[in-house]
Every structure is written in C-alpha cells, then in structure tokens.
C-alpha cells in the first residue's frame, strides 16, 4: 500500500503471512474481506479484487448486504464489463430501499 501511495510510511506493517490476520467471528469477517477487496482494487487491480468478491458471493452472512453487489458492479464497470455491471447494480439498489 505504500507503493500505491495509500500510506506515507509502511515501516510497522508486515505482510499477513508474517503474522496473525484480524480474526472476527461470523459475517463481520466477511465484511472485512469485502473491504479488503476494495483496497486491493485500488492497490493491485480490479481483477484481483473481483476474484475475492466472487468468492464472497455465496456467503450466507452477506445475503441482503447491499455493498456486495455494488462493489461487484463497480469492479465489473472498471473492467469494461458494463452489461454485467448493470445487472449487478439492480439488486444493490433494491436492497437499499
């Protein structure tokens, strides 16, 4: 993230393979993974983030969570997959009503 210009200094940070990841039980952990996917889209690529979001798609704890389809729609749009993005954003909009 330092290389991506998101952090000014990354000295105290260590890759997750060197230490424990944040552990949260249940759906909260899945929400953290979705946030991680958003950060990866910015720092690495939308393709890498989409792979994470797609794995979360069948997660029962995220059913009815409007940010999952909205993040997926955003990533698809960034990749130029506009028809898929349109299909994905409709459920997100419906979930916010």
C-alpha atoms as a PDB file:
ATOM      1  CA  UNK A   1       0.000   0.000   0.000  1.00  0.00           C
ATOM      2  CA  UNK A   2       2.986   2.267   0.495  1.00  0.00           C
ATOM      3  CA  UNK A   3       3.969   1.748  -3.146  1.00  0.00           C
ATOM      4  CA  UNK A   4       0.413   2.570  -4.206  1.00  0.00           C
ATOM      5  CA  UNK A   5       0.636   5.908  -2.392  1.00  0.00           C
ATOM      6  CA  UNK A   6      -2.054   4.990   0.132  1.00  0.00           C
ATOM      7  CA  UNK A   7       0.294   5.006   3.139  1.00  0.00           C
ATOM      8  CA  UNK A   8       3.005   7.560   3.777  1.00  0.00           C
ATOM      9  CA  UNK A   9       5.133   5.090   5.736  1.00  0.00           C
ATOM     10  CA  UNK A  10       4.739   1.367   5.987  1.00  0.00           C
ATOM     11  CA  UNK A  11       7.544   0.521   8.393  1.00  0.00           C
ATOM     12  CA  UNK A  12       5.428  -1.050  11.171  1.00  0.00           C
ATOM     13  CA  UNK A  13       3.307  -3.008   8.717  1.00  0.00           C
ATOM     14  CA  UNK A  14       4.071  -6.624   7.975  1.00  0.00           C
ATOM     15  CA  UNK A  15       2.578  -8.886   5.318  1.00  0.00           C
ATOM     16  CA  UNK A  16      -0.230 -11.017   6.709  1.00  0.00           C
ATOM     17  CA  UNK A  17       1.824 -14.152   6.054  1.00  0.00           C
ATOM     18  CA  UNK A  18       4.230 -12.981   8.776  1.00  0.00           C
ATOM     19  CA  UNK A  19       1.602 -12.541  11.460  1.00  0.00           C
ATOM     20  CA  UNK A  20      -1.945 -13.156  12.524  1.00  0.00           C
ATOM     21  CA  UNK A  21      -4.746 -11.734  10.467  1.00  0.00           C
ATOM     22  CA  UNK A  22      -7.609  -9.958  12.113  1.00  0.00           C
ATOM     23  CA  UNK A  23      -9.953 -12.607  13.421  1.00  0.00           C
ATOM     24  CA  UNK A  24     -13.595 -11.794  13.784  1.00  0.00           C
ATOM     25  CA  UNK A  25     -16.351 -14.337  14.037  1.00  0.00           C
ATOM     26  CA  UNK A  26     -19.193 -14.798  11.613  1.00  0.00           C
ATOM     27  CA  UNK A  27     -20.267 -12.302   8.990  1.00  0.00           C
ATOM     28  CA  UNK A  28     -18.099  -9.489  10.313  1.00  0.00           C
ATOM     29  CA  UNK A  29     -15.032 -11.258   8.961  1.00  0.00           C
ATOM     30  CA  UNK A  30     -16.672 -11.486   5.558  1.00  0.00           C
ATOM     31  CA  UNK A  31     -17.363  -7.756   5.662  1.00  0.00           C
ATOM     32  CA  UNK A  32     -13.678  -7.190   6.353  1.00  0.00           C
ATOM     33  CA  UNK A  33     -12.843  -9.344   3.326  1.00  0.00           C
ATOM     34  CA  UNK A  34     -15.115  -7.166   1.187  1.00  0.00           C
ATOM     35  CA  UNK A  35     -13.311  -4.054   2.447  1.00  0.00           C
ATOM     36  CA  UNK A  36     -10.011  -5.776   1.677  1.00  0.00           C
ATOM     37  CA  UNK A  37     -11.202  -6.409  -1.871  1.00  0.00           C
ATOM     38  CA  UNK A  38     -11.926  -2.692  -2.317  1.00  0.00           C
ATOM     39  CA  UNK A  39      -8.393  -1.847  -1.145  1.00  0.00           C
ATOM     40  CA  UNK A  40      -6.915  -4.471  -3.462  1.00  0.00           C
ATOM     41  CA  UNK A  41      -8.829  -2.980  -6.396  1.00  0.00           C
ATOM     42  CA  UNK A  42      -7.071   0.320  -5.743  1.00  0.00           C
ATOM     43  CA  UNK A  43      -3.629  -1.039  -4.913  1.00  0.00           C
ATOM     44  CA  UNK A  44      -3.359  -4.052  -7.213  1.00  0.00           C
ATOM     45  CA  UNK A  45      -6.101  -4.467  -9.805  1.00  0.00           C
ATOM     46  CA  UNK A  46      -9.865  -4.768 -10.230  1.00  0.00           C
ATOM     47  CA  UNK A  47      -9.342  -8.339 -11.485  1.00  0.00           C
ATOM     48  CA  UNK A  48      -7.688  -9.399  -8.244  1.00  0.00           C
ATOM     49  CA  UNK A  49     -10.444  -7.751  -6.224  1.00  0.00           C
ATOM     50  CA  UNK A  50     -13.182  -9.357  -8.316  1.00  0.00           C
ATOM     51  CA  UNK A  51     -11.791 -12.805  -7.533  1.00  0.00           C
ATOM     52  CA  UNK A  52     -12.199 -12.067  -3.804  1.00  0.00           C
ATOM     53  CA  UNK A  53     -15.698 -10.644  -4.249  1.00  0.00           C
ATOM     54  CA  UNK A  54     -16.761 -13.640  -6.326  1.00  0.00           C
ATOM     55  CA  UNK A  55     -15.668 -15.996  -3.528  1.00  0.00           C
ATOM     56  CA  UNK A  56     -17.835 -13.999  -1.116  1.00  0.00           C
ATOM     57  CA  UNK A  57     -20.883 -14.215  -3.393  1.00  0.00           C
ATOM     58  CA  UNK A  58     -22.283 -17.394  -1.855  1.00  0.00           C
ATOM     59  CA  UNK A  59     -21.582 -16.390   1.741  1.00  0.00           C
ATOM     60  CA  UNK A  60     -24.850 -16.673   3.725  1.00  0.00           C
ATOM     61  CA  UNK A  61     -23.834 -13.918   6.154  1.00  0.00           C
ATOM     62  CA  UNK A  62     -23.644 -11.418   3.266  1.00  0.00           C
ATOM     63  CA  UNK A  63     -27.074 -12.170   1.756  1.00  0.00           C
ATOM     64  CA  UNK A  64     -29.024  -8.954   1.730  1.00  0.00           C
ATOM     65  CA  UNK A  65     -25.875  -6.848   2.202  1.00  0.00           C
ATOM     66  CA  UNK A  66     -26.153  -4.139  -0.487  1.00  0.00           C
ATOM     67  CA  UNK A  67     -22.427  -3.419  -0.627  1.00  0.00           C
ATOM     68  CA  UNK A  68     -21.554  -6.846  -2.012  1.00  0.00           C
ATOM     69  CA  UNK A  69     -23.384  -6.437  -5.347  1.00  0.00           C
ATOM     70  CA  UNK A  70     -22.498  -2.725  -5.512  1.00  0.00           C
ATOM     71  CA  UNK A  71     -18.776  -3.439  -5.110  1.00  0.00           C
ATOM     72  CA  UNK A  72     -19.034  -6.209  -7.691  1.00  0.00           C
ATOM     73  CA  UNK A  73     -20.822  -3.846 -10.094  1.00  0.00           C
ATOM     74  CA  UNK A  74     -18.119  -1.221  -9.617  1.00  0.00           C
ATOM     75  CA  UNK A  75     -15.350  -3.725 -10.301  1.00  0.00           C
ATOM     76  CA  UNK A  76     -17.089  -5.032 -13.410  1.00  0.00           C
ATOM     77  CA  UNK A  77     -17.510  -1.466 -14.690  1.00  0.00           C
ATOM     78  CA  UNK A  78     -13.814  -0.750 -14.087  1.00  0.00           C
ATOM     79  CA  UNK A  79     -13.054  -3.807 -16.195  1.00  0.00           C
ATOM     80  CA  UNK A  80     -15.291  -2.544 -19.002  1.00  0.00           C
ATOM     81  CA  UNK A  81     -17.896  -5.272 -18.436  1.00  0.00           C
ATOM     82  CA  UNK A  82     -20.776  -2.794 -18.436  1.00  0.00           C
ATOM     83  CA  UNK A  83     -23.689  -5.145 -19.176  1.00  0.00           C
ATOM     84  CA  UNK A  84     -22.703  -7.354 -16.245  1.00  0.00           C
ATOM     85  CA  UNK A  85     -22.243  -4.280 -14.050  1.00  0.00           C
ATOM     86  CA  UNK A  86     -25.766  -3.087 -14.892  1.00  0.00           C
ATOM     87  CA  UNK A  87     -27.239  -6.478 -13.976  1.00  0.00           C
ATOM     88  CA  UNK A  88     -25.322  -6.449 -10.704  1.00  0.00           C
ATOM     89  CA  UNK A  89     -26.259  -2.935  -9.599  1.00  0.00           C
ATOM     90  CA  UNK A  90     -30.030  -3.538  -9.746  1.00  0.00           C
ATOM     91  CA  UNK A  91     -30.076  -5.900  -6.725  1.00  0.00           C
ATOM     92  CA  UNK A  92     -27.856  -3.468  -4.818  1.00  0.00           C
ATOM     93  CA  UNK A  93     -30.291  -0.642  -5.428  1.00  0.00           C
ATOM     94  CA  UNK A  94     -33.248  -2.817  -4.428  1.00  0.00           C
ATOM     95  CA  UNK A  95     -31.515  -3.803  -1.175  1.00  0.00           C
ATOM     96  CA  UNK A  96     -31.186  -0.153  -0.124  1.00  0.00           C
ATOM     97  CA  UNK A  97     -34.904   0.601  -0.399  1.00  0.00           C
END
